PDB file of all heavy atoms in Angstrom:
ATOM      1  N   MET A   1      -6.639  -7.156 -17.430  1.00  0.00           N
ATOM      2  CA  MET A   1      -5.435  -7.123 -16.692  1.00  0.00           C
ATOM      3  C   MET A   1      -5.326  -8.092 -15.487  1.00  0.00           C
ATOM      4  O   MET A   1      -4.361  -8.741 -15.264  1.00  0.00           O
ATOM      5  CB  MET A   1      -5.086  -5.716 -16.230  1.00  0.00           C
ATOM      6  CG  MET A   1      -4.435  -4.810 -17.324  1.00  0.00           C
ATOM      7  SD  MET A   1      -2.838  -5.375 -17.808  1.00  0.00           S
ATOM      8  CE  MET A   1      -1.987  -5.407 -16.193  1.00  0.00           C
ATOM      9  N   GLY A   2      -6.455  -8.189 -14.805  1.00  0.00           N
ATOM     10  CA  GLY A   2      -6.645  -9.107 -13.615  1.00  0.00           C
ATOM     11  C   GLY A   2      -6.402 -10.508 -13.987  1.00  0.00           C
ATOM     12  O   GLY A   2      -5.981 -11.323 -13.224  1.00  0.00           O
ATOM     13  N   ALA A   3      -6.659 -10.833 -15.285  1.00  0.00           N
ATOM     14  CA  ALA A   3      -6.547 -12.175 -15.737  1.00  0.00           C
ATOM     15  C   ALA A   3      -5.177 -12.510 -16.251  1.00  0.00           C
ATOM     16  O   ALA A   3      -4.743 -13.755 -16.228  1.00  0.00           O
ATOM     17  CB  ALA A   3      -7.565 -12.485 -16.933  1.00  0.00           C
ATOM     18  N   VAL A   4      -4.409 -11.522 -16.739  1.00  0.00           N
ATOM     19  CA  VAL A   4      -3.116 -11.832 -17.276  1.00  0.00           C
ATOM     20  C   VAL A   4      -1.962 -11.310 -16.369  1.00  0.00           C
ATOM     21  O   VAL A   4      -0.777 -11.726 -16.649  1.00  0.00           O
ATOM     22  CB  VAL A   4      -3.041 -11.115 -18.695  1.00  0.00           C
ATOM     23  CG1 VAL A   4      -4.109 -11.689 -19.625  1.00  0.00           C
ATOM     24  CG2 VAL A   4      -2.976  -9.623 -18.600  1.00  0.00           C
ATOM     25  N   ALA A   5      -2.201 -10.505 -15.390  1.00  0.00           N
ATOM     26  CA  ALA A   5      -1.062 -10.068 -14.544  1.00  0.00           C
ATOM     27  C   ALA A   5      -0.393 -11.175 -13.933  1.00  0.00           C
ATOM     28  O   ALA A   5      -0.901 -12.098 -13.312  1.00  0.00           O
ATOM     29  CB  ALA A   5      -1.663  -9.154 -13.527  1.00  0.00           C
ATOM     30  N   ASN A   6       0.969 -11.163 -14.027  1.00  0.00           N
ATOM     31  CA  ASN A   6       1.817 -12.214 -13.536  1.00  0.00           C
ATOM     32  C   ASN A   6       3.071 -11.748 -12.815  1.00  0.00           C
ATOM     33  O   ASN A   6       3.891 -12.625 -12.466  1.00  0.00           O
ATOM     34  CB  ASN A   6       2.192 -13.164 -14.755  1.00  0.00           C
ATOM     35  CG  ASN A   6       3.028 -12.415 -15.779  1.00  0.00           C
ATOM     36  OD1 ASN A   6       3.352 -11.173 -15.652  1.00  0.00           O
ATOM     37  ND2 ASN A   6       3.378 -13.064 -16.840  1.00  0.00           N
ATOM     38  N   ILE A   7       3.261 -10.507 -12.701  1.00  0.00           N
ATOM     39  CA  ILE A   7       4.449 -10.013 -12.164  1.00  0.00           C
ATOM     40  C   ILE A   7       4.806 -10.418 -10.656  1.00  0.00           C
ATOM     41  O   ILE A   7       5.853 -10.771 -10.352  1.00  0.00           O
ATOM     42  CB  ILE A   7       4.534  -8.433 -12.312  1.00  0.00           C
ATOM     43  CG1 ILE A   7       4.603  -8.029 -13.769  1.00  0.00           C
ATOM     44  CG2 ILE A   7       5.708  -7.826 -11.615  1.00  0.00           C
ATOM     45  CD1 ILE A   7       4.422  -6.496 -14.013  1.00  0.00           C
ATOM     46  N   ARG A   8       3.797 -10.238  -9.878  1.00  0.00           N
ATOM     47  CA  ARG A   8       4.024 -10.587  -8.454  1.00  0.00           C
ATOM     48  C   ARG A   8       4.376 -12.068  -8.403  1.00  0.00           C
ATOM     49  O   ARG A   8       5.341 -12.375  -7.641  1.00  0.00           O
ATOM     50  CB  ARG A   8       2.690 -10.329  -7.649  1.00  0.00           C
ATOM     51  CG  ARG A   8       2.842 -10.789  -6.301  1.00  0.00           C
ATOM     52  CD  ARG A   8       1.616 -10.409  -5.363  1.00  0.00           C
ATOM     53  NE  ARG A   8       1.644 -10.909  -4.002  1.00  0.00           N
ATOM     54  CZ  ARG A   8       0.739 -10.655  -3.086  1.00  0.00           C
ATOM     55  NH1 ARG A   8      -0.309 -10.004  -3.332  1.00  0.00           N
ATOM     56  NH2 ARG A   8       0.986 -11.195  -1.901  1.00  0.00           N
ATOM     57  N   ASP A   9       3.660 -12.983  -8.997  1.00  0.00           N
ATOM     58  CA  ASP A   9       3.958 -14.379  -8.975  1.00  0.00           C
ATOM     59  C   ASP A   9       5.438 -14.626  -9.503  1.00  0.00           C
ATOM     60  O   ASP A   9       6.133 -15.489  -8.952  1.00  0.00           O
ATOM     61  CB  ASP A   9       2.962 -15.199  -9.729  1.00  0.00           C
ATOM     62  CG  ASP A   9       1.566 -15.215  -9.006  1.00  0.00           C
ATOM     63  OD1 ASP A   9       1.557 -14.865  -7.780  1.00  0.00           O
ATOM     64  OD2 ASP A   9       0.618 -15.566  -9.578  1.00  0.00           O
ATOM     65  N   TYR A  10       5.744 -13.996 -10.567  1.00  0.00           N
ATOM     66  CA  TYR A  10       7.070 -14.127 -11.184  1.00  0.00           C
ATOM     67  C   TYR A  10       8.180 -13.786 -10.153  1.00  0.00           C
ATOM     68  O   TYR A  10       9.133 -14.501 -10.066  1.00  0.00           O
ATOM     69  CB  TYR A  10       7.135 -13.290 -12.475  1.00  0.00           C
ATOM     70  CG  TYR A  10       8.399 -13.516 -13.205  1.00  0.00           C
ATOM     71  CD1 TYR A  10       8.471 -14.598 -14.091  1.00  0.00           C
ATOM     72  CD2 TYR A  10       9.476 -12.633 -13.149  1.00  0.00           C
ATOM     73  CE1 TYR A  10       9.658 -14.720 -14.877  1.00  0.00           C
ATOM     74  CE2 TYR A  10      10.645 -12.817 -13.829  1.00  0.00           C
ATOM     75  CZ  TYR A  10      10.687 -13.905 -14.699  1.00  0.00           C
ATOM     76  OH  TYR A  10      11.926 -14.058 -15.425  1.00  0.00           O
ATOM     77  N   VAL A  11       7.962 -12.630  -9.553  1.00  0.00           N
ATOM     78  CA  VAL A  11       9.076 -12.112  -8.596  1.00  0.00           C
ATOM     79  C   VAL A  11       9.149 -13.079  -7.484  1.00  0.00           C
ATOM     80  O   VAL A  11      10.277 -13.374  -6.947  1.00  0.00           O
ATOM     81  CB  VAL A  11       8.791 -10.693  -8.296  1.00  0.00           C
ATOM     82  CG1 VAL A  11       9.738 -10.222  -7.186  1.00  0.00           C
ATOM     83  CG2 VAL A  11       8.827  -9.745  -9.456  1.00  0.00           C
ATOM     84  N   GLU A  12       8.004 -13.447  -6.795  1.00  0.00           N
ATOM     85  CA  GLU A  12       8.008 -14.292  -5.663  1.00  0.00           C
ATOM     86  C   GLU A  12       8.704 -15.591  -5.898  1.00  0.00           C
ATOM     87  O   GLU A  12       9.254 -16.212  -4.970  1.00  0.00           O
ATOM     88  CB  GLU A  12       6.585 -14.444  -5.201  1.00  0.00           C
ATOM     89  CG  GLU A  12       6.063 -13.177  -4.514  1.00  0.00           C
ATOM     90  CD  GLU A  12       4.643 -13.426  -3.946  1.00  0.00           C
ATOM     91  OE1 GLU A  12       3.976 -14.511  -4.351  1.00  0.00           O
ATOM     92  OE2 GLU A  12       4.259 -12.662  -3.055  1.00  0.00           O
ATOM     93  N   ALA A  13       8.647 -16.144  -7.213  1.00  0.00           N
ATOM     94  CA  ALA A  13       9.289 -17.373  -7.483  1.00  0.00           C
ATOM     95  C   ALA A  13      10.720 -17.194  -7.776  1.00  0.00           C
ATOM     96  O   ALA A  13      11.457 -18.249  -7.892  1.00  0.00           O
ATOM     97  CB  ALA A  13       8.537 -17.986  -8.770  1.00  0.00           C
ATOM     98  N   ARG A  14      11.267 -16.038  -7.599  1.00  0.00           N
ATOM     99  CA  ARG A  14      12.637 -15.722  -7.934  1.00  0.00           C
ATOM    100  C   ARG A  14      13.262 -14.874  -6.858  1.00  0.00           C
ATOM    101  O   ARG A  14      13.852 -13.825  -7.193  1.00  0.00           O
ATOM    102  CB  ARG A  14      12.856 -15.145  -9.364  1.00  0.00           C
ATOM    103  CG  ARG A  14      12.569 -16.102 -10.402  1.00  0.00           C
ATOM    104  CD  ARG A  14      12.210 -15.435 -11.784  1.00  0.00           C
ATOM    105  NE  ARG A  14      11.982 -16.337 -12.809  1.00  0.00           N
ATOM    106  CZ  ARG A  14      10.820 -16.983 -12.988  1.00  0.00           C
ATOM    107  NH1 ARG A  14       9.821 -16.699 -12.179  1.00  0.00           N
ATOM    108  NH2 ARG A  14      10.688 -17.861 -14.024  1.00  0.00           N
ATOM    109  N   ARG A  15      13.059 -15.135  -5.653  1.00  0.00           N
ATOM    110  CA  ARG A  15      13.523 -14.294  -4.491  1.00  0.00           C
ATOM    111  C   ARG A  15      15.011 -14.210  -4.466  1.00  0.00           C
ATOM    112  O   ARG A  15      15.401 -13.256  -3.842  1.00  0.00           O
ATOM    113  CB  ARG A  15      12.987 -14.888  -3.152  1.00  0.00           C
ATOM    114  CG  ARG A  15      11.411 -14.753  -3.045  1.00  0.00           C
ATOM    115  CD  ARG A  15      10.961 -15.406  -1.731  1.00  0.00           C
ATOM    116  NE  ARG A  15       9.460 -15.222  -1.622  1.00  0.00           N
ATOM    117  CZ  ARG A  15       9.008 -14.117  -0.853  1.00  0.00           C
ATOM    118  NH1 ARG A  15       9.870 -13.308  -0.237  1.00  0.00           N
ATOM    119  NH2 ARG A  15       7.694 -13.972  -0.682  1.00  0.00           N
ATOM    120  N   ASN A  16      15.687 -15.058  -5.100  1.00  0.00           N
ATOM    121  CA  ASN A  16      17.225 -14.922  -5.009  1.00  0.00           C
ATOM    122  C   ASN A  16      17.717 -14.011  -6.109  1.00  0.00           C
ATOM    123  O   ASN A  16      18.907 -13.635  -6.106  1.00  0.00           O
ATOM    124  CB  ASN A  16      17.884 -16.273  -5.219  1.00  0.00           C
ATOM    125  CG  ASN A  16      17.567 -17.188  -4.101  1.00  0.00           C
ATOM    126  OD1 ASN A  16      17.498 -16.800  -2.949  1.00  0.00           O
ATOM    127  ND2 ASN A  16      17.462 -18.525  -4.304  1.00  0.00           N
ATOM    128  N   ASP A  17      16.835 -13.493  -7.001  1.00  0.00           N
ATOM    129  CA  ASP A  17      17.240 -12.519  -8.003  1.00  0.00           C
ATOM    130  C   ASP A  17      17.108 -11.120  -7.419  1.00  0.00           C
ATOM    131  O   ASP A  17      16.084 -10.484  -7.391  1.00  0.00           O
ATOM    132  CB  ASP A  17      16.302 -12.650  -9.252  1.00  0.00           C
ATOM    133  CG  ASP A  17      16.820 -11.863 -10.425  1.00  0.00           C
ATOM    134  OD1 ASP A  17      17.467 -10.837 -10.147  1.00  0.00           O
ATOM    135  OD2 ASP A  17      16.476 -12.164 -11.561  1.00  0.00           O
ATOM    136  N   LYS A  18      18.166 -10.684  -6.813  1.00  0.00           N
ATOM    137  CA  LYS A  18      18.154  -9.413  -6.060  1.00  0.00           C
ATOM    138  C   LYS A  18      17.740  -8.150  -6.890  1.00  0.00           C
ATOM    139  O   LYS A  18      16.945  -7.343  -6.394  1.00  0.00           O
ATOM    140  CB  LYS A  18      19.536  -9.132  -5.349  1.00  0.00           C
ATOM    141  CG  LYS A  18      19.836 -10.122  -4.266  1.00  0.00           C
ATOM    142  CD  LYS A  18      18.750 -10.147  -3.232  1.00  0.00           C
ATOM    143  CE  LYS A  18      19.013 -11.209  -2.126  1.00  0.00           C
ATOM    144  NZ  LYS A  18      17.998 -11.284  -1.104  1.00  0.00           N
ATOM    145  N   PRO A  19      18.321  -7.976  -8.074  1.00  0.00           N
ATOM    146  CA  PRO A  19      17.908  -6.808  -8.907  1.00  0.00           C
ATOM    147  C   PRO A  19      16.422  -6.760  -9.160  1.00  0.00           C
ATOM    148  O   PRO A  19      15.702  -5.813  -9.176  1.00  0.00           O
ATOM    149  CB  PRO A  19      18.723  -6.969 -10.204  1.00  0.00           C
ATOM    150  CG  PRO A  19      19.940  -7.791  -9.743  1.00  0.00           C
ATOM    151  CD  PRO A  19      19.481  -8.741  -8.690  1.00  0.00           C
ATOM    152  N   LEU A  20      15.872  -8.026  -9.493  1.00  0.00           N
ATOM    153  CA  LEU A  20      14.408  -8.124  -9.799  1.00  0.00           C
ATOM    154  C   LEU A  20      13.568  -7.750  -8.693  1.00  0.00           C
ATOM    155  O   LEU A  20      12.695  -7.045  -8.706  1.00  0.00           O
ATOM    156  CB  LEU A  20      14.251  -9.584 -10.316  1.00  0.00           C
ATOM    157  CG  LEU A  20      12.694  -9.940 -10.500  1.00  0.00           C
ATOM    158  CD1 LEU A  20      12.147  -9.132 -11.700  1.00  0.00           C
ATOM    159  CD2 LEU A  20      12.545 -11.467 -10.788  1.00  0.00           C
ATOM    160  N   CYS A  21      13.944  -8.355  -7.455  1.00  0.00           N
ATOM    161  CA  CYS A  21      13.144  -8.141  -6.209  1.00  0.00           C
ATOM    162  C   CYS A  21      13.263  -6.627  -5.859  1.00  0.00           C
ATOM    163  O   CYS A  21      12.273  -6.050  -5.354  1.00  0.00           O
ATOM    164  CB  CYS A  21      13.688  -9.009  -5.121  1.00  0.00           C
ATOM    165  SG  CYS A  21      13.338 -10.745  -5.305  1.00  0.00           S
ATOM    166  N   LEU A  22      14.429  -6.056  -6.003  1.00  0.00           N
ATOM    167  CA  LEU A  22      14.513  -4.697  -5.656  1.00  0.00           C
ATOM    168  C   LEU A  22      13.755  -3.850  -6.496  1.00  0.00           C
ATOM    169  O   LEU A  22      13.104  -2.821  -5.986  1.00  0.00           O
ATOM    170  CB  LEU A  22      16.011  -4.246  -5.746  1.00  0.00           C
ATOM    171  CG  LEU A  22      16.311  -2.795  -5.501  1.00  0.00           C
ATOM    172  CD1 LEU A  22      15.964  -2.477  -4.091  1.00  0.00           C
ATOM    173  CD2 LEU A  22      17.742  -2.489  -5.628  1.00  0.00           C
ATOM    174  N   ALA A  23      13.708  -4.072  -7.797  1.00  0.00           N
ATOM    175  CA  ALA A  23      12.875  -3.216  -8.676  1.00  0.00           C
ATOM    176  C   ALA A  23      11.399  -3.288  -8.431  1.00  0.00           C
ATOM    177  O   ALA A  23      10.679  -2.413  -8.455  1.00  0.00           O
ATOM    178  CB  ALA A  23      13.165  -3.694 -10.163  1.00  0.00           C
ATOM    179  N   TYR A  24      10.975  -4.576  -8.097  1.00  0.00           N
ATOM    180  CA  TYR A  24       9.494  -4.864  -7.714  1.00  0.00           C
ATOM    181  C   TYR A  24       9.210  -4.093  -6.467  1.00  0.00           C
ATOM    182  O   TYR A  24       8.244  -3.431  -6.384  1.00  0.00           O
ATOM    183  CB  TYR A  24       9.332  -6.281  -7.647  1.00  0.00           C
ATOM    184  CG  TYR A  24       7.900  -6.660  -7.140  1.00  0.00           C
ATOM    185  CD1 TYR A  24       6.753  -6.489  -7.978  1.00  0.00           C
ATOM    186  CD2 TYR A  24       7.698  -7.172  -5.850  1.00  0.00           C
ATOM    187  CE1 TYR A  24       5.517  -6.827  -7.568  1.00  0.00           C
ATOM    188  CE2 TYR A  24       6.365  -7.481  -5.464  1.00  0.00           C
ATOM    189  CZ  TYR A  24       5.333  -7.278  -6.299  1.00  0.00           C
ATOM    190  OH  TYR A  24       4.069  -7.695  -5.869  1.00  0.00           O
ATOM    191  N   ASP A  25      10.071  -4.283  -5.370  1.00  0.00           N
ATOM    192  CA  ASP A  25       9.828  -3.669  -4.092  1.00  0.00           C
ATOM    193  C   ASP A  25       9.869  -2.091  -4.282  1.00  0.00           C
ATOM    194  O   ASP A  25       9.052  -1.389  -3.541  1.00  0.00           O
ATOM    195  CB  ASP A  25      10.854  -4.059  -3.142  1.00  0.00           C
ATOM    196  CG  ASP A  25      10.636  -5.440  -2.643  1.00  0.00           C
ATOM    197  OD1 ASP A  25       9.525  -6.066  -2.904  1.00  0.00           O
ATOM    198  OD2 ASP A  25      11.518  -6.083  -1.938  1.00  0.00           O
ATOM    199  N   ALA A  26      10.682  -1.588  -5.125  1.00  0.00           N
ATOM    200  CA  ALA A  26      10.719  -0.114  -5.331  1.00  0.00           C
ATOM    201  C   ALA A  26       9.403   0.351  -5.871  1.00  0.00           C
ATOM    202  O   ALA A  26       8.949   1.446  -5.475  1.00  0.00           O
ATOM    203  CB  ALA A  26      11.828   0.247  -6.277  1.00  0.00           C
ATOM    204  N   CYS A  27       8.787  -0.450  -6.793  1.00  0.00           N
ATOM    205  CA  CYS A  27       7.448   0.058  -7.304  1.00  0.00           C
ATOM    206  C   CYS A  27       6.436   0.055  -6.144  1.00  0.00           C
ATOM    207  O   CYS A  27       5.648   1.080  -5.989  1.00  0.00           O
ATOM    208  CB  CYS A  27       6.952  -1.028  -8.334  1.00  0.00           C
ATOM    209  SG  CYS A  27       7.846  -0.921  -9.866  1.00  0.00           S
ATOM    210  N   LEU A  28       6.469  -0.888  -5.279  1.00  0.00           N
ATOM    211  CA  LEU A  28       5.521  -1.002  -4.140  1.00  0.00           C
ATOM    212  C   LEU A  28       5.820   0.219  -3.185  1.00  0.00           C
ATOM    213  O   LEU A  28       4.899   0.831  -2.703  1.00  0.00           O
ATOM    214  CB  LEU A  28       5.621  -2.296  -3.436  1.00  0.00           C
ATOM    215  CG  LEU A  28       5.253  -3.535  -4.234  1.00  0.00           C
ATOM    216  CD1 LEU A  28       5.478  -4.776  -3.412  1.00  0.00           C
ATOM    217  CD2 LEU A  28       3.713  -3.474  -4.634  1.00  0.00           C
ATOM    218  N   ALA A  29       7.182   0.394  -2.977  1.00  0.00           N
ATOM    219  CA  ALA A  29       7.494   1.515  -2.019  1.00  0.00           C
ATOM    220  C   ALA A  29       7.006   2.902  -2.554  1.00  0.00           C
ATOM    221  O   ALA A  29       6.575   3.724  -1.748  1.00  0.00           O
ATOM    222  CB  ALA A  29       9.033   1.420  -1.801  1.00  0.00           C
ATOM    223  N   MET A  30       7.184   3.055  -3.930  1.00  0.00           N
ATOM    224  CA  MET A  30       6.771   4.376  -4.376  1.00  0.00           C
ATOM    225  C   MET A  30       5.248   4.554  -4.384  1.00  0.00           C
ATOM    226  O   MET A  30       4.838   5.621  -4.073  1.00  0.00           O
ATOM    227  CB  MET A  30       7.260   4.459  -5.878  1.00  0.00           C
ATOM    228  CG  MET A  30       8.713   4.511  -6.148  1.00  0.00           C
ATOM    229  SD  MET A  30       9.556   5.952  -5.351  1.00  0.00           S
ATOM    230  CE  MET A  30      10.168   5.159  -3.864  1.00  0.00           C
ATOM    231  N   LEU A  31       4.520   3.457  -4.557  1.00  0.00           N
ATOM    232  CA  LEU A  31       3.096   3.535  -4.608  1.00  0.00           C
ATOM    233  C   LEU A  31       2.600   3.713  -3.117  1.00  0.00           C
ATOM    234  O   LEU A  31       1.643   4.503  -2.908  1.00  0.00           O
ATOM    235  CB  LEU A  31       2.453   2.270  -5.290  1.00  0.00           C
ATOM    236  CG  LEU A  31       0.978   2.379  -5.438  1.00  0.00           C
ATOM    237  CD1 LEU A  31       0.535   3.485  -6.287  1.00  0.00           C
ATOM    238  CD2 LEU A  31       0.525   1.041  -6.161  1.00  0.00           C
ATOM    239  N   GLN A  32       3.276   3.045  -2.232  1.00  0.00           N
ATOM    240  CA  GLN A  32       2.868   3.177  -0.846  1.00  0.00           C
ATOM    241  C   GLN A  32       3.206   4.629  -0.401  1.00  0.00           C
ATOM    242  O   GLN A  32       2.422   5.251   0.385  1.00  0.00           O
ATOM    243  CB  GLN A  32       3.705   2.206  -0.002  1.00  0.00           C
ATOM    244  CG  GLN A  32       3.190   2.137   1.517  1.00  0.00           C
ATOM    245  CD  GLN A  32       4.032   1.139   2.293  1.00  0.00           C
ATOM    246  OE1 GLN A  32       5.281   1.168   2.212  1.00  0.00           O
ATOM    247  NE2 GLN A  32       3.307   0.258   2.984  1.00  0.00           N
ATOM    248  N   SER A  33       4.329   5.196  -0.819  1.00  0.00           N
ATOM    249  CA  SER A  33       4.735   6.573  -0.444  1.00  0.00           C
ATOM    250  C   SER A  33       3.646   7.454  -0.963  1.00  0.00           C
ATOM    251  O   SER A  33       3.247   8.418  -0.296  1.00  0.00           O
ATOM    252  CB  SER A  33       6.049   6.828  -1.020  1.00  0.00           C
ATOM    253  OG  SER A  33       6.419   8.193  -0.872  1.00  0.00           O
ATOM    254  N   MET A  34       3.162   7.278  -2.242  1.00  0.00           N
ATOM    255  CA  MET A  34       2.198   8.176  -2.772  1.00  0.00           C
ATOM    256  C   MET A  34       0.895   8.171  -1.896  1.00  0.00           C
ATOM    257  O   MET A  34       0.148   9.106  -1.718  1.00  0.00           O
ATOM    258  CB  MET A  34       1.896   7.840  -4.212  1.00  0.00           C
ATOM    259  CG  MET A  34       0.915   8.696  -4.839  1.00  0.00           C
ATOM    260  SD  MET A  34       0.709   8.337  -6.671  1.00  0.00           S
ATOM    261  CE  MET A  34      -0.063   6.804  -6.613  1.00  0.00           C
ATOM    262  N   ARG A  35       0.548   6.968  -1.530  1.00  0.00           N
ATOM    263  CA  ARG A  35      -0.647   6.870  -0.708  1.00  0.00           C
ATOM    264  C   ARG A  35      -0.495   7.536   0.660  1.00  0.00           C
ATOM    265  O   ARG A  35      -1.461   8.097   1.175  1.00  0.00           O
ATOM    266  CB  ARG A  35      -1.092   5.383  -0.568  1.00  0.00           C
ATOM    267  CG  ARG A  35      -1.690   4.839  -1.780  1.00  0.00           C
ATOM    268  CD  ARG A  35      -2.302   3.480  -1.701  1.00  0.00           C
ATOM    269  NE  ARG A  35      -3.291   3.252  -2.647  1.00  0.00           N
ATOM    270  CZ  ARG A  35      -3.274   2.148  -3.566  1.00  0.00           C
ATOM    271  NH1 ARG A  35      -2.336   1.296  -3.595  1.00  0.00           N
ATOM    272  NH2 ARG A  35      -4.263   2.116  -4.469  1.00  0.00           N
ATOM    273  N   THR A  36       0.662   7.446   1.271  1.00  0.00           N
ATOM    274  CA  THR A  36       1.016   8.157   2.396  1.00  0.00           C
ATOM    275  C   THR A  36       0.806   9.697   2.254  1.00  0.00           C
ATOM    276  O   THR A  36       0.249  10.421   3.119  1.00  0.00           O
ATOM    277  CB  THR A  36       2.338   7.900   2.919  1.00  0.00           C
ATOM    278  OG1 THR A  36       2.425   6.460   3.265  1.00  0.00           O
ATOM    279  CG2 THR A  36       2.675   8.639   4.269  1.00  0.00           C
ATOM    280  N   LYS A  37       1.357  10.149   1.168  1.00  0.00           N
ATOM    281  CA  LYS A  37       1.161  11.584   0.862  1.00  0.00           C
ATOM    282  C   LYS A  37      -0.287  11.999   0.670  1.00  0.00           C
ATOM    283  O   LYS A  37      -0.731  13.128   1.116  1.00  0.00           O
ATOM    284  CB  LYS A  37       1.995  11.955  -0.436  1.00  0.00           C
ATOM    285  CG  LYS A  37       3.409  11.724  -0.234  1.00  0.00           C
ATOM    286  CD  LYS A  37       4.220  12.088  -1.535  1.00  0.00           C
ATOM    287  CE  LYS A  37       5.804  11.884  -1.298  1.00  0.00           C
ATOM    288  NZ  LYS A  37       6.471  12.092  -2.619  1.00  0.00           N
ATOM    289  N   HIS A  38      -1.030  11.011   0.115  1.00  0.00           N
ATOM    290  CA  HIS A  38      -2.545  11.336  -0.012  1.00  0.00           C
ATOM    291  C   HIS A  38      -3.265  11.374   1.290  1.00  0.00           C
ATOM    292  O   HIS A  38      -4.085  12.255   1.449  1.00  0.00           O
ATOM    293  CB  HIS A  38      -3.181  10.200  -0.898  1.00  0.00           C
ATOM    294  CG  HIS A  38      -4.561  10.466  -1.245  1.00  0.00           C
ATOM    295  ND1 HIS A  38      -5.599   9.486  -1.091  1.00  0.00           N
ATOM    296  CD2 HIS A  38      -5.253  11.596  -1.684  1.00  0.00           C
ATOM    297  CE1 HIS A  38      -6.708  10.002  -1.430  1.00  0.00           C
ATOM    298  NE2 HIS A  38      -6.477  11.230  -1.776  1.00  0.00           N
TER     299      HIS A  38
END
């Protein structure tokens, strides 16, 4: 997975795509929230 993961680079190259960026940021926000709860 570390060799093939491309999602972060893909999103960062398309910062003007608001739905894409929002979906990616939502994943990070949910994971960050879970770590806060932990």
